[in-house]
Amino acid sequence: MNIIERGRVFVESLRELAGRTVWDWRRCPYCGQSDTCKNGGYVRRPWTFTGRQVVRVQRHRCGRCRRSYSEQSPWLVRGSWYAREVHRMAVDHWQHVGSSLRRTAEWVRSWVGRQERWGLWRPLEERVEGRERCFLGASTVHRWLDRAGQVAQESVAGQLRGIACSGQMGTDGLWVRLRGGGQRVVLALVDSVSGLLWPPVVEEEEERASSWGALFARAQGAGLDLQGLWAVTSDGAQGLLAYLRGALDWVNQQRCVWHLWRSLGGAIGQAGVKAAAGLVGEAAAQVARGVREELVALIHALVDAPSYAQAEEALERLKRHPLGSGVVKKLQEQFDRLLVYLLDCHRGLSRVAPEWLWRDYRLRLSHGRNHGSDERWERAALVWQVYRDFTPAQRRSERKRHYKHPGQSPLQAAGASPGEISYLDALGV
C-alpha cells in the first residue's frame, strides 16, 4: 500500500466513524454482538477552533463478552487535550508556513484560546474576564510532529510503489548541527522530471559510499527500481561517485554546474591577479576584470554548449588562452560529466543539483537543533518529504524562479494524483 492509499484508508476510517449511528454503537467492537447496554460515561474538555468544548462520551458494556467500550469521534484524539483540527493546524503551520516550534505553539494557542496575539488581530473585540487560557507549548507541538514522523517511518516500505519514475535523478545533502553539538547530514534523492522526493536518510557524513548506499537502499525499499536509473545529478561528493562505480556502474553522473562555478572561482581570480601583476590602482583592476570576463565567457561557451562537438571547440579555445591553464585543468577533469544531460537517453535530467529542495526547509528557525538526536531528525525529515510530495507548486512564477509544473504536486506530475488526500491524511494526523 503506497502513501496515497494509506491516506485514503485513513480518511475512510474517519468518515466511517463520523457516519456511525446510535444503533451502530450498540454493536460490540470486540465480539460483534448487539447484546449491550449503556454503562455510564465521562466528560472530555478538548480545545477546538471555537475554544474549549465540553463533550460527554457515552460508554457501553457488552453482555456477552463482559467488556466495556466508549463511543469515539473522528475529531477527538484519544488521550489529548486538543481536537484533531488543532493537531493538524499545528503540524501544517510548522511544515507549510515555516517557523520555530515556539512560534507555532504561540500562533495556535492564540487562535484556539482567543488570547495573546488574538488581541492584535481583533483590536475592537471586548476582552472577556475570566476566560480560560490555553497553555499549548512547543514541546507538545514537537511531540505531535514526532508522532507523525513515526507514522512516516513506518510507511517507508512501499511508500511510492507503483508511482512512475523517469530514471533521471538528482541528489543533495543538507548539514545541520544537532542540539547536543553533533553534526549530521540529511541525504535526499529527487526525480528531476516530476520533482518527486524519495524518503531521505540521516548520516554522519557524505564522503562515505555506505552513506549513499543507505539512501538508495531506502529508496529501493520505498518502491524505486534501481535497474531503471539512468543518471544522477550531484555535486562533487566522492562518496556518491564511489558508490555509483561499485553498485550502479551503469548510472551516469551529471556534475552540478552551480557547484562547478563555485569551484572555478579561485582559479579565475588567480588568473586575474596574475594578469595584473606589476600594475596598481585602476589599471590593475581593469586588466584583472577584463581577464576574468574573457575566461567566464569561454567557460560559458563550454558549459552551456548545445552539443558535445561545440563543447570540445570551446575547450580548445580555452586551452589557447594564455591564462586559462588553471581553469582548463579543472574542466578537463569534469568534462564528460558536465555534458551528460545532452545525451538523448537523459532528456529531462537537470544540470543543477536539487539545492532548491532545502529552500523551504531552511525557513524553519530550528533546522535540526530542536530534534536532539539522529532518530528524531530523520523522522522530521520524513514528514517534510511527505509534505513536499503532496504540496502543489504555486501557479505563478517569481522573478528569479519558475516552476516546471505550476499548480501541481510532485505526485501529480508523476501521474499519481492524490486528489483530495493531503499529506496530513497520509501521516494519520
Foldseek 3Di string as FASTA:
>chain_A
DALLVLLVVLVVVQVVLAPDDPQNVCQDPPPRDNQKDWDAWDWAFAQDLQATDIDTWTKMAHPPVRDIDIRDHSQPDPPDNHTPVLLVQLLCCCQPVAEELAVSQVVSQCRRQVDDCVCVVPVPDDDDPPRDGDDRGSVVNLVSLLLLLVLLVVNLQQHQAPFDALLQKFKDWDWDAAQVGAIKIKIWMARLQLRQTHQIAIGRDQLALVNVVVGVVSSVRNHDDLVSHAEYEYAPRNSVVVNCVVPVVNYAYAHAPVNLVVVCVVLLQVLLQVQLPPHDDPVSVVSSVVSSVVLVVLVCQQLVPLDLVSNVVSLVVLVPDPSNPVVSVSCVVCRVNSCPCNDPSNPSHDNHHPPVLCVSVVSHVCNNHVQNDSVSSSSSSSLSSLQQQFDAADQDADPPGDDPHHPDGSSVSSVRHSPPRHSCSSSSD
